[in-house]
Amino acid sequence: MNKVKPRVKVPKKTVFGEIIEIKTLIRHPMHSGRMKDAKGEKIPRQIINTFNVKFNGRDVFGMTLEPSISTNPYIAFPFKVKETGVFDFEWIDDNRQKYSISKTMIVSKKK
């Protein structure tokens, strides 16, 4: 398998009350278990099946992924800014392998 690499785009600075878009991408082949290799043998299922995001230790977003999700899943979601803090992103695959990354965001009171 290629090296699994998570990437996340979170504004470094923003303003209280603003709605921002968080963007994530993880490099992962997402083998569904239905494809065959060059020898004609089935490639075992190996997908990211869980994605969770915490902000300052609180759950703010989560989802379950299924085999129909494409290679290198891209996930984006809105977030209403209320305080400065740290986002913790975690992806878990079928082998219970965890991939994680954290990003800090600073919030100011005014523009």
PDB file of N, CA and C in Angstrom:
ATOM      1  N   MET A   1       0.837  -1.171   0.000  1.00  0.00           N
ATOM      2  CA  MET A   1       0.000   0.000   0.000  1.00  0.00           C
ATOM      3  C   MET A   1       0.884   1.237   0.000  1.00  0.00           C
ATOM      4  N   ASN A   2       0.447   2.260  -0.719  1.00  0.00           N
ATOM      5  CA  ASN A   2       1.155   3.539  -0.691  1.00  0.00           C
ATOM      6  C   ASN A   2       1.141   4.081   0.728  1.00  0.00           C
ATOM      7  N   LYS A   3       2.045   4.989   1.009  1.00  0.00           N
ATOM      8  CA  LYS A   3       2.074   5.614   2.322  1.00  0.00           C
ATOM      9  C   LYS A   3       0.778   6.393   2.540  1.00  0.00           C
ATOM     10  N   VAL A   4       0.106   6.121   3.645  1.00  0.00           N
ATOM     11  CA  VAL A   4      -1.131   6.811   3.979  1.00  0.00           C
ATOM     12  C   VAL A   4      -0.768   8.160   4.575  1.00  0.00           C
ATOM     13  N   LYS A   5      -1.329   9.226   3.994  1.00  0.00           N
ATOM     14  CA  LYS A   5      -0.971  10.562   4.438  1.00  0.00           C
ATOM     15  C   LYS A   5      -2.221  11.432   4.575  1.00  0.00           C
ATOM     16  N   PRO A   6      -2.573  11.813   5.814  1.00  0.00           N
ATOM     17  CA  PRO A   6      -3.707  12.729   5.977  1.00  0.00           C
ATOM     18  C   PRO A   6      -3.277  14.180   5.774  1.00  0.00           C
ATOM     19  N   ARG A   7      -4.174  14.956   5.167  1.00  0.00           N
ATOM     20  CA  ARG A   7      -3.952  16.391   5.005  1.00  0.00           C
ATOM     21  C   ARG A   7      -5.220  17.123   5.428  1.00  0.00           C
ATOM     22  N   VAL A   8      -5.035  18.284   6.051  1.00  0.00           N
ATOM     23  CA  VAL A   8      -6.169  19.038   6.571  1.00  0.00           C
ATOM     24  C   VAL A   8      -5.940  20.520   6.302  1.00  0.00           C
ATOM     25  N   LYS A   9      -7.020  21.219   5.935  1.00  0.00           N
ATOM     26  CA  LYS A   9      -6.937  22.664   5.750  1.00  0.00           C
ATOM     27  C   LYS A   9      -7.892  23.321   6.742  1.00  0.00           C
ATOM     28  N   VAL A  10      -7.303  24.029   7.723  1.00  0.00           N
ATOM     29  CA  VAL A  10      -8.042  24.766   8.752  1.00  0.00           C
ATOM     30  C   VAL A  10      -7.434  26.164   8.782  1.00  0.00           C
ATOM     31  N   PRO A  11      -8.269  27.226   8.798  1.00  0.00           N
ATOM     32  CA  PRO A  11      -7.679  28.563   8.901  1.00  0.00           C
ATOM     33  C   PRO A  11      -6.851  28.701  10.182  1.00  0.00           C
ATOM     34  N   LYS A  12      -5.681  29.322  10.082  1.00  0.00           N
ATOM     35  CA  LYS A  12      -4.853  29.529  11.277  1.00  0.00           C
ATOM     36  C   LYS A  12      -5.459  30.584  12.186  1.00  0.00           C
ATOM     37  N   LYS A  13      -6.100  31.589  11.560  1.00  0.00           N
ATOM     38  CA  LYS A  13      -6.752  32.661  12.313  1.00  0.00           C
ATOM     39  C   LYS A  13      -8.130  32.914  11.723  1.00  0.00           C
ATOM     40  N   THR A  14      -9.080  33.226  12.595  1.00  0.00           N
ATOM     41  CA  THR A  14     -10.430  33.554  12.152  1.00  0.00           C
ATOM     42  C   THR A  14     -11.097  34.430  13.195  1.00  0.00           C
ATOM     43  N   VAL A  15     -12.370  34.749  12.973  1.00  0.00           N
ATOM     44  CA  VAL A  15     -13.106  35.669  13.826  1.00  0.00           C
ATOM     45  C   VAL A  15     -14.263  34.937  14.513  1.00  0.00           C
ATOM     46  N   PHE A  16     -14.517  35.293  15.763  1.00  0.00           N
ATOM     47  CA  PHE A  16     -15.613  34.701  16.538  1.00  0.00           C
ATOM     48  C   PHE A  16     -16.928  34.789  15.749  1.00  0.00           C
ATOM     49  N   GLY A  17     -17.670  33.692  15.704  1.00  0.00           N
ATOM     50  CA  GLY A  17     -18.981  33.644  15.051  1.00  0.00           C
ATOM     51  C   GLY A  17     -18.947  33.314  13.575  1.00  0.00           C
ATOM     52  N   GLU A  18     -17.784  33.309  12.975  1.00  0.00           N
ATOM     53  CA  GLU A  18     -17.672  33.013  11.551  1.00  0.00           C
ATOM     54  C   GLU A  18     -17.906  31.525  11.300  1.00  0.00           C
ATOM     55  N   ILE A  19     -18.486  31.207  10.148  1.00  0.00           N
ATOM     56  CA  ILE A  19     -18.632  29.810   9.745  1.00  0.00           C
ATOM     57  C   ILE A  19     -17.534  29.531   8.722  1.00  0.00           C
ATOM     58  N   ILE A  20     -16.664  28.598   9.076  1.00  0.00           N
ATOM     59  CA  ILE A  20     -15.538  28.254   8.206  1.00  0.00           C
ATOM     60  C   ILE A  20     -15.773  26.879   7.594  1.00  0.00           C
ATOM     61  N   GLU A  21     -15.014  26.573   6.570  1.00  0.00           N
ATOM     62  CA  GLU A  21     -15.071  25.237   5.975  1.00  0.00           C
ATOM     63  C   GLU A  21     -13.763  24.514   6.288  1.00  0.00           C
ATOM     64  N   ILE A  22     -13.899  23.338   6.885  1.00  0.00           N
ATOM     65  CA  ILE A  22     -12.757  22.478   7.170  1.00  0.00           C
ATOM     66  C   ILE A  22     -12.657  21.490   6.008  1.00  0.00           C
ATOM     67  N   LYS A  23     -11.451  21.323   5.463  1.00  0.00           N
ATOM     68  CA  LYS A  23     -11.248  20.415   4.330  1.00  0.00           C
ATOM     69  C   LYS A  23     -10.226  19.361   4.713  1.00  0.00           C
ATOM     70  N   THR A  24     -10.540  18.098   4.403  1.00  0.00           N
ATOM     71  CA  THR A  24      -9.615  17.012   4.712  1.00  0.00           C
ATOM     72  C   THR A  24      -9.444  16.100   3.499  1.00  0.00           C
ATOM     73  N   LEU A  25      -8.283  15.500   3.427  1.00  0.00           N
ATOM     74  CA  LEU A  25      -7.986  14.531   2.378  1.00  0.00           C
ATOM     75  C   LEU A  25      -7.020  13.530   2.980  1.00  0.00           C
ATOM     76  N   ILE A  26      -7.271  12.258   2.752  1.00  0.00           N
ATOM     77  CA  ILE A  26      -6.323  11.244   3.207  1.00  0.00           C
ATOM     78  C   ILE A  26      -5.956  10.372   2.019  1.00  0.00           C
ATOM     79  N   ARG A  27      -4.663  10.204   1.840  1.00  0.00           N
ATOM     80  CA  ARG A  27      -4.173   9.361   0.744  1.00  0.00           C
ATOM     81  C   ARG A  27      -4.268   7.911   1.197  1.00  0.00           C
ATOM     82  N   HIS A  28      -5.203   7.185   0.606  1.00  0.00           N
ATOM     83  CA  HIS A  28      -5.460   5.795   0.986  1.00  0.00           C
ATOM     84  C   HIS A  28      -6.108   5.092  -0.207  1.00  0.00           C
ATOM     85  N   PRO A  29      -5.707   3.858  -0.540  1.00  0.00           N
ATOM     86  CA  PRO A  29      -6.229   3.193  -1.734  1.00  0.00           C
ATOM     87  C   PRO A  29      -7.696   2.761  -1.649  1.00  0.00           C
ATOM     88  N   MET A  30      -8.238   2.589  -0.441  1.00  0.00           N
ATOM     89  CA  MET A  30      -9.647   2.220  -0.250  1.00  0.00           C
ATOM     90  C   MET A  30     -10.031   0.975  -1.071  1.00  0.00           C
ATOM     91  N   HIS A  31      -9.326  -0.135  -0.868  1.00  0.00           N
ATOM     92  CA  HIS A  31      -9.644  -1.381  -1.573  1.00  0.00           C
ATOM     93  C   HIS A  31     -10.971  -1.935  -1.068  1.00  0.00           C
ATOM     94  N   SER A  32     -11.906  -2.131  -1.974  1.00  0.00           N
ATOM     95  CA  SER A  32     -13.263  -2.570  -1.610  1.00  0.00           C
ATOM     96  C   SER A  32     -13.370  -4.064  -1.334  1.00  0.00           C
ATOM     97  N   GLY A  33     -12.369  -4.831  -1.748  1.00  0.00           N
ATOM     98  CA  GLY A  33     -12.433  -6.283  -1.604  1.00  0.00           C
ATOM     99  C   GLY A  33     -12.999  -6.965  -2.845  1.00  0.00           C
ATOM    100  N   ARG A  34     -13.360  -6.188  -3.851  1.00  0.00           N
ATOM    101  CA  ARG A  34     -13.942  -6.749  -5.078  1.00  0.00           C
ATOM    102  C   ARG A  34     -12.977  -6.726  -6.256  1.00  0.00           C
ATOM    103  N   MET A  35     -11.891  -5.966  -6.143  1.00  0.00           N
ATOM    104  CA  MET A  35     -10.949  -5.865  -7.259  1.00  0.00           C
ATOM    105  C   MET A  35      -9.936  -7.002  -7.213  1.00  0.00           C
ATOM    106  N   LYS A  36      -9.310  -7.249  -8.367  1.00  0.00           N
ATOM    107  CA  LYS A  36      -8.287  -8.292  -8.460  1.00  0.00           C
ATOM    108  C   LYS A  36      -6.952  -7.678  -8.841  1.00  0.00           C
ATOM    109  N   ASP A  37      -5.884  -8.323  -8.382  1.00  0.00           N
ATOM    110  CA  ASP A  37      -4.544  -7.842  -8.709  1.00  0.00           C
ATOM    111  C   ASP A  37      -4.118  -8.387 -10.076  1.00  0.00           C
ATOM    112  N   ALA A  38      -2.867  -8.144 -10.465  1.00  0.00           N
ATOM    113  CA  ALA A  38      -2.349  -8.574 -11.773  1.00  0.00           C
ATOM    114  C   ALA A  38      -2.372 -10.089 -11.947  1.00  0.00           C
ATOM    115  N   LYS A  39      -2.341 -10.834 -10.829  1.00  0.00           N
ATOM    116  CA  LYS A  39      -2.375 -12.296 -10.887  1.00  0.00           C
ATOM    117  C   LYS A  39      -3.798 -12.846 -10.888  1.00  0.00           C
ATOM    118  N   GLY A  40      -4.792 -11.962 -10.822  1.00  0.00           N
ATOM    119  CA  GLY A  40      -6.188 -12.395 -10.805  1.00  0.00           C
ATOM    120  C   GLY A  40      -6.708 -12.738  -9.426  1.00  0.00           C
ATOM    121  N   GLU A  41      -5.938 -12.472  -8.397  1.00  0.00           N
ATOM    122  CA  GLU A  41      -6.373 -12.761  -7.027  1.00  0.00           C
ATOM    123  C   GLU A  41      -7.044 -11.532  -6.420  1.00  0.00           C
ATOM    124  N   LYS A  42      -8.062 -11.781  -5.611  1.00  0.00           N
ATOM    125  CA  LYS A  42      -8.775 -10.671  -4.977  1.00  0.00           C
ATOM    126  C   LYS A  42      -7.863  -9.902  -4.034  1.00  0.00           C
ATOM    127  N   ILE A  43      -7.963  -8.580  -4.115  1.00  0.00           N
ATOM    128  CA  ILE A  43      -7.247  -7.712  -3.172  1.00  0.00           C
ATOM    129  C   ILE A  43      -8.140  -7.610  -1.944  1.00  0.00           C
ATOM    130  N   PRO A  44      -7.644  -7.950  -0.755  1.00  0.00           N
ATOM    131  CA  PRO A  44      -8.487  -7.910   0.440  1.00  0.00           C
ATOM    132  C   PRO A  44      -9.028  -6.509   0.723  1.00  0.00           C
ATOM    133  N   ARG A  45     -10.224  -6.468   1.294  1.00  0.00           N
ATOM    134  CA  ARG A  45     -10.828  -5.187   1.657  1.00  0.00           C
ATOM    135  C   ARG A  45      -9.903  -4.462   2.635  1.00  0.00           C
ATOM    136  N   GLN A  46      -9.666  -3.203   2.342  1.00  0.00           N
ATOM    137  CA  GLN A  46      -8.837  -2.352   3.204  1.00  0.00           C
ATOM    138  C   GLN A  46      -9.289  -0.914   2.985  1.00  0.00           C
ATOM    139  N   ILE A  47     -10.244  -0.468   3.808  1.00  0.00           N
ATOM    140  CA  ILE A  47     -10.765   0.884   3.660  1.00  0.00           C
ATOM    141  C   ILE A  47     -10.676   1.655   4.977  1.00  0.00           C
ATOM    142  N   ILE A  48     -10.682   2.964   4.851  1.00  0.00           N
ATOM    143  CA  ILE A  48     -10.900   3.822   6.017  1.00  0.00           C
ATOM    144  C   ILE A  48     -12.386   3.677   6.308  1.00  0.00           C
ATOM    145  N   ASN A  49     -12.746   3.283   7.511  1.00  0.00           N
ATOM    146  CA  ASN A  49     -14.175   3.107   7.787  1.00  0.00           C
ATOM    147  C   ASN A  49     -14.733   4.085   8.814  1.00  0.00           C
ATOM    148  N   THR A  50     -13.853   4.802   9.517  1.00  0.00           N
ATOM    149  CA  THR A  50     -14.313   5.766  10.509  1.00  0.00           C
ATOM    150  C   THR A  50     -13.499   7.046  10.402  1.00  0.00           C
ATOM    151  N   PHE A  51     -14.203   8.178  10.463  1.00  0.00           N
ATOM    152  CA  PHE A  51     -13.556   9.483  10.469  1.00  0.00           C
ATOM    153  C   PHE A  51     -14.175  10.303  11.593  1.00  0.00           C
ATOM    154  N   ASN A  52     -13.353  10.828  12.494  1.00  0.00           N
ATOM    155  CA  ASN A  52     -13.836  11.622  13.624  1.00  0.00           C
ATOM    156  C   ASN A  52     -13.001  12.881  13.786  1.00  0.00           C
ATOM    157  N   VAL A  53     -13.679  13.958  14.199  1.00  0.00           N
ATOM    158  CA  VAL A  53     -13.003  15.223  14.459  1.00  0.00           C
ATOM    159  C   VAL A  53     -13.423  15.715  15.839  1.00  0.00           C
ATOM    160  N   LYS A  54     -12.431  16.125  16.616  1.00  0.00           N
ATOM    161  CA  LYS A  54     -12.682  16.738  17.918  1.00  0.00           C
ATOM    162  C   LYS A  54     -12.113  18.140  17.899  1.00  0.00           C
ATOM    163  N   PHE A  55     -12.786  19.039  18.625  1.00  0.00           N
ATOM    164  CA  PHE A  55     -12.280  20.394  18.806  1.00  0.00           C
ATOM    165  C   PHE A  55     -12.211  20.642  20.297  1.00  0.00           C
ATOM    166  N   ASN A  56     -11.012  20.896  20.788  1.00  0.00           N
ATOM    167  CA  ASN A  56     -10.781  21.051  22.227  1.00  0.00           C
ATOM    168  C   ASN A  56     -11.357  19.877  23.021  1.00  0.00           C
ATOM    169  N   GLY A  57     -11.186  18.670  22.464  1.00  0.00           N
ATOM    170  CA  GLY A  57     -11.611  17.456  23.153  1.00  0.00           C
ATOM    171  C   GLY A  57     -13.068  17.077  22.989  1.00  0.00           C
ATOM    172  N   ARG A  58     -13.856  17.920  22.324  1.00  0.00           N
ATOM    173  CA  ARG A  58     -15.281  17.630  22.112  1.00  0.00           C
ATOM    174  C   ARG A  58     -15.519  17.160  20.678  1.00  0.00           C
ATOM    175  N   ASP A  59     -16.360  16.128  20.511  1.00  0.00           N
ATOM    176  CA  ASP A  59     -16.709  15.661  19.165  1.00  0.00           C
ATOM    177  C   ASP A  59     -17.461  16.756  18.421  1.00  0.00           C
ATOM    178  N   VAL A  60     -17.002  17.058  17.182  1.00  0.00           N
ATOM    179  CA  VAL A  60     -17.693  18.056  16.367  1.00  0.00           C
ATOM    180  C   VAL A  60     -18.124  17.505  15.006  1.00  0.00           C
ATOM    181  N   PHE A  61     -17.542  16.394  14.584  1.00  0.00           N
ATOM    182  CA  PHE A  61     -17.921  15.798  13.303  1.00  0.00           C
ATOM    183  C   PHE A  61     -17.467  14.353  13.285  1.00  0.00           C
ATOM    184  N   GLY A  62     -18.262  13.499  12.669  1.00  0.00           N
ATOM    185  CA  GLY A  62     -17.882  12.100  12.517  1.00  0.00           C
ATOM    186  C   GLY A  62     -18.692  11.448  11.413  1.00  0.00           C
ATOM    187  N   MET A  63     -18.128  10.418  10.832  1.00  0.00           N
ATOM    188  CA  MET A  63     -18.860   9.678   9.805  1.00  0.00           C
ATOM    189  C   MET A  63     -18.272   8.280   9.629  1.00  0.00           C
ATOM    190  N   THR A  64     -19.107   7.404   9.104  1.00  0.00           N
ATOM    191  CA  THR A  64     -18.698   6.050   8.758  1.00  0.00           C
ATOM    192  C   THR A  64     -18.566   5.987   7.248  1.00  0.00           C
ATOM    193  N   LEU A  65     -17.458   5.452   6.770  1.00  0.00           N
ATOM    194  CA  LEU A  65     -17.239   5.329   5.334  1.00  0.00           C
ATOM    195  C   LEU A  65     -17.482   3.887   4.917  1.00  0.00           C
ATOM    196  N   GLU A  66     -17.942   3.701   3.709  1.00  0.00           N
ATOM    197  CA  GLU A  66     -18.269   2.387   3.155  1.00  0.00           C
ATOM    198  C   GLU A  66     -17.361   2.090   1.958  1.00  0.00           C
ATOM    199  N   PRO A  67     -17.344   0.837   1.476  1.00  0.00           N
ATOM    200  CA  PRO A  67     -16.456   0.469   0.363  1.00  0.00           C
ATOM    201  C   PRO A  67     -16.672   1.272  -0.917  1.00  0.00           C
ATOM    202  N   SER A  68     -17.825   1.894  -1.085  1.00  0.00           N
ATOM    203  CA  SER A  68     -18.075   2.648  -2.317  1.00  0.00           C
ATOM    204  C   SER A  68     -17.375   4.005  -2.335  1.00  0.00           C
ATOM    205  N   ILE A  69     -16.765   4.414  -1.222  1.00  0.00           N
ATOM    206  CA  ILE A  69     -16.031   5.678  -1.176  1.00  0.00           C
ATOM    207  C   ILE A  69     -14.764   5.535  -2.021  1.00  0.00           C
ATOM    208  N   SER A  70     -14.440   6.567  -2.761  1.00  0.00           N
ATOM    209  CA  SER A  70     -13.314   6.495  -3.690  1.00  0.00           C
ATOM    210  C   SER A  70     -11.948   6.498  -2.989  1.00  0.00           C
ATOM    211  N   THR A  71     -10.948   6.176  -3.763  1.00  0.00           N
ATOM    212  CA  THR A  71      -9.563   6.276  -3.306  1.00  0.00           C
ATOM    213  C   THR A  71      -9.306   7.706  -2.858  1.00  0.00           C
ATOM    214  N   ASN A  72      -8.479   7.877  -1.834  1.00  0.00           N
ATOM    215  CA  ASN A  72      -8.099   9.190  -1.322  1.00  0.00           C
ATOM    216  C   ASN A  72      -9.319  10.041  -0.951  1.00  0.00           C
ATOM    217  N   PRO A  73     -10.120   9.600   0.026  1.00  0.00           N
ATOM    218  CA  PRO A  73     -11.350  10.319   0.357  1.00  0.00           C
ATOM    219  C   PRO A  73     -11.126  11.773   0.796  1.00  0.00           C
ATOM    220  N   TYR A  74     -11.929  12.644   0.187  1.00  0.00           N
ATOM    221  CA  TYR A  74     -11.947  14.074   0.494  1.00  0.00           C
ATOM    222  C   TYR A  74     -13.226  14.350   1.279  1.00  0.00           C
ATOM    223  N   ILE A  75     -13.094  14.993   2.429  1.00  0.00           N
ATOM    224  CA  ILE A  75     -14.253  15.302   3.265  1.00  0.00           C
ATOM    225  C   ILE A  75     -14.161  16.771   3.659  1.00  0.00           C
ATOM    226  N   ALA A  76     -15.267  17.498   3.496  1.00  0.00           N
ATOM    227  CA  ALA A  76     -15.318  18.906   3.895  1.00  0.00           C
ATOM    228  C   ALA A  76     -16.589  19.111   4.705  1.00  0.00           C
ATOM    229  N   PHE A  77     -16.515  19.998   5.705  1.00  0.00           N
ATOM    230  CA  PHE A  77     -17.690  20.278   6.527  1.00  0.00           C
ATOM    231  C   PHE A  77     -17.575  21.677   7.131  1.00  0.00           C
ATOM    232  N   PRO A  78     -18.732  22.304   7.453  1.00  0.00           N
ATOM    233  CA  PRO A  78     -18.704  23.635   8.055  1.00  0.00           C
ATOM    234  C   PRO A  78     -18.492  23.553   9.563  1.00  0.00           C
ATOM    235  N   PHE A  79     -17.990  24.650  10.130  1.00  0.00           N
ATOM    236  CA  PHE A  79     -17.785  24.725  11.571  1.00  0.00           C
ATOM    237  C   PHE A  79     -17.967  26.172  12.002  1.00  0.00           C
ATOM    238  N   LYS A  80     -18.815  26.402  13.010  1.00  0.00           N
ATOM    239  CA  LYS A  80     -19.031  27.751  13.534  1.00  0.00           C
ATOM    240  C   LYS A  80     -18.022  28.016  14.643  1.00  0.00           C
ATOM    241  N   VAL A  81     -17.244  29.073  14.458  1.00  0.00           N
ATOM    242  CA  VAL A  81     -16.139  29.402  15.344  1.00  0.00           C
ATOM    243  C   VAL A  81     -16.634  30.107  16.611  1.00  0.00           C
ATOM    244  N   LYS A  82     -16.239  29.565  17.765  1.00  0.00           N
ATOM    245  CA  LYS A  82     -16.627  30.167  19.042  1.00  0.00           C
ATOM    246  C   LYS A  82     -15.445  30.404  19.971  1.00  0.00           C
ATOM    247  N   GLU A  83     -14.318  29.727  19.700  1.00  0.00           N
ATOM    248  CA  GLU A  83     -13.166  29.878  20.583  1.00  0.00           C
ATOM    249  C   GLU A  83     -11.894  29.402  19.897  1.00  0.00           C
ATOM    250  N   THR A  84     -10.776  29.832  20.437  1.00  0.00           N
ATOM    251  CA  THR A  84      -9.468  29.355  19.987  1.00  0.00           C
ATOM    252  C   THR A  84      -9.315  27.903  20.446  1.00  0.00           C
ATOM    253  N   GLY A  85      -8.662  27.099  19.625  1.00  0.00           N
ATOM    254  CA  GLY A  85      -8.467  25.720  20.052  1.00  0.00           C
ATOM    255  C   GLY A  85      -7.755  24.850  19.045  1.00  0.00           C
ATOM    256  N   VAL A  86      -7.802  23.559  19.345  1.00  0.00           N
ATOM    257  CA  VAL A  86      -7.101  22.556  18.541  1.00  0.00           C
ATOM    258  C   VAL A  86      -8.105  21.549  17.989  1.00  0.00           C
ATOM    259  N   PHE A  87      -8.020  21.323  16.675  1.00  0.00           N
ATOM    260  CA  PHE A  87      -8.787  20.264  16.015  1.00  0.00           C
ATOM    261  C   PHE A  87      -7.931  19.006  16.007  1.00  0.00           C
ATOM    262  N   ASP A  88      -8.521  17.885  16.383  1.00  0.00           N
ATOM    263  CA  ASP A  88      -7.872  16.579  16.285  1.00  0.00           C
ATOM    264  C   ASP A  88      -8.662  15.742  15.292  1.00  0.00           C
ATOM    265  N   PHE A  89      -8.003  15.320  14.217  1.00  0.00           N
ATOM    266  CA  PHE A  89      -8.624  14.543  13.155  1.00  0.00           C
ATOM    267  C   PHE A  89      -8.110  13.107  13.250  1.00  0.00           C
ATOM    268  N   GLU A  90      -9.016  12.132  13.104  1.00  0.00           N
ATOM    269  CA  GLU A  90      -8.598  10.732  13.183  1.00  0.00           C
ATOM    270  C   GLU A  90      -9.369   9.887  12.171  1.00  0.00           C
ATOM    271  N   TRP A  91      -8.625   9.109  11.401  1.00  0.00           N
ATOM    272  CA  TRP A  91      -9.173   8.147  10.451  1.00  0.00           C
ATOM    273  C   TRP A  91      -8.776   6.759  10.950  1.00  0.00           C
ATOM    274  N   ILE A  92      -9.682   5.781  10.868  1.00  0.00           N
ATOM    275  CA  ILE A  92      -9.384   4.410  11.292  1.00  0.00           C
ATOM    276  C   ILE A  92      -9.759   3.472  10.155  1.00  0.00           C
ATOM    277  N   ASP A  93      -8.858   2.531   9.832  1.00  0.00           N
ATOM    278  CA  ASP A  93      -9.152   1.603   8.734  1.00  0.00           C
ATOM    279  C   ASP A  93      -9.557   0.226   9.254  1.00  0.00           C
ATOM    280  N   ASP A  94      -9.810  -0.688   8.314  1.00  0.00           N
ATOM    281  CA  ASP A  94     -10.283  -2.040   8.654  1.00  0.00           C
ATOM    282  C   ASP A  94      -9.343  -2.802   9.584  1.00  0.00           C
ATOM    283  N   ASN A  95      -8.054  -2.503   9.526  1.00  0.00           N
ATOM    284  CA  ASN A  95      -7.081  -3.180  10.392  1.00  0.00           C
ATOM    285  C   ASN A  95      -6.919  -2.464  11.732  1.00  0.00           C
ATOM    286  N   ARG A  96      -7.793  -1.515  12.003  1.00  0.00           N
ATOM    287  CA  ARG A  96      -7.772  -0.692  13.227  1.00  0.00           C
ATOM    288  C   ARG A  96      -6.538   0.215  13.277  1.00  0.00           C
ATOM    289  N   GLN A  97      -5.897   0.396  12.125  1.00  0.00           N
ATOM    290  CA  GLN A  97      -4.779   1.333  12.018  1.00  0.00           C
ATOM    291  C   GLN A  97      -5.341   2.747  12.091  1.00  0.00           C
ATOM    292  N   LYS A  98      -4.737   3.587  12.914  1.00  0.00           N
ATOM    293  CA  LYS A  98      -5.208   4.960  13.085  1.00  0.00           C
ATOM    294  C   LYS A  98      -4.237   5.930  12.430  1.00  0.00           C
ATOM    295  N   TYR A  99      -4.811   6.923  11.777  1.00  0.00           N
ATOM    296  CA  TYR A  99      -4.043   7.993  11.147  1.00  0.00           C
ATOM    297  C   TYR A  99      -4.589   9.289  11.728  1.00  0.00           C
ATOM    298  N   SER A 100      -3.724  10.152  12.211  1.00  0.00           N
ATOM    299  CA  SER A 100      -4.224  11.364  12.855  1.00  0.00           C
ATOM    300  C   SER A 100      -3.353  12.570  12.550  1.00  0.00           C
ATOM    301  N   ILE A 101      -3.956  13.730  12.732  1.00  0.00           N
ATOM    302  CA  ILE A 101      -3.280  15.007  12.553  1.00  0.00           C
ATOM    303  C   ILE A 101      -4.041  16.030  13.394  1.00  0.00           C
ATOM    304  N   SER A 102      -3.336  17.037  13.883  1.00  0.00           N
ATOM    305  CA  SER A 102      -3.952  18.101  14.673  1.00  0.00           C
ATOM    306  C   SER A 102      -3.628  19.445  14.057  1.00  0.00           C
ATOM    307  N   LYS A 103      -4.562  20.384  14.192  1.00  0.00           N
ATOM    308  CA  LYS A 103      -4.373  21.752  13.689  1.00  0.00           C
ATOM    309  C   LYS A 103      -4.906  22.733  14.718  1.00  0.00           C
ATOM    310  N   THR A 104      -4.179  23.824  14.924  1.00  0.00           N
ATOM    311  CA  THR A 104      -4.574  24.859  15.870  1.00  0.00           C
ATOM    312  C   THR A 104      -5.198  26.032  15.110  1.00  0.00           C
ATOM    313  N   MET A 105      -6.246  26.614  15.705  1.00  0.00           N
ATOM    314  CA  MET A 105      -6.912  27.774  15.133  1.00  0.00           C
ATOM    315  C   MET A 105      -7.035  28.852  16.212  1.00  0.00           C
ATOM    316  N   ILE A 106      -6.656  30.077  15.870  1.00  0.00           N
ATOM    317  CA  ILE A 106      -6.748  31.200  16.799  1.00  0.00           C
ATOM    318  C   ILE A 106      -7.937  32.059  16.409  1.00  0.00           C
ATOM    319  N   VAL A 107      -8.772  32.386  17.389  1.00  0.00           N
ATOM    320  CA  VAL A 107      -9.983  33.157  17.149  1.00  0.00           C
ATOM    321  C   VAL A 107      -9.855  34.528  17.802  1.00  0.00           C
ATOM    322  N   SER A 108     -10.172  35.566  17.014  1.00  0.00           N
ATOM    323  CA  SER A 108     -10.191  36.918  17.567  1.00  0.00           C
ATOM    324  C   SER A 108     -11.639  37.385  17.700  1.00  0.00           C
ATOM    325  N   LYS A 109     -11.853  38.381  18.513  1.00  0.00           N
ATOM    326  CA  LYS A 109     -13.204  38.884  18.780  1.00  0.00           C
ATOM    327  C   LYS A 109     -13.753  39.729  17.626  1.00  0.00           C
ATOM    328  N   LYS A 110     -12.880  40.447  16.910  1.00  0.00           N
ATOM    329  CA  LYS A 110     -13.312  41.341  15.845  1.00  0.00           C
ATOM    330  C   LYS A 110     -12.439  41.163  14.626  1.00  0.00           C
ATOM    331  N   LYS A 111     -12.968  41.580  13.457  1.00  0.00           N
ATOM    332  CA  LYS A 111     -12.194  41.564  12.218  1.00  0.00           C
ATOM    333  C   LYS A 111     -11.183  42.665  12.199  1.00  0.00           C
TER     334      LYS A 111
END
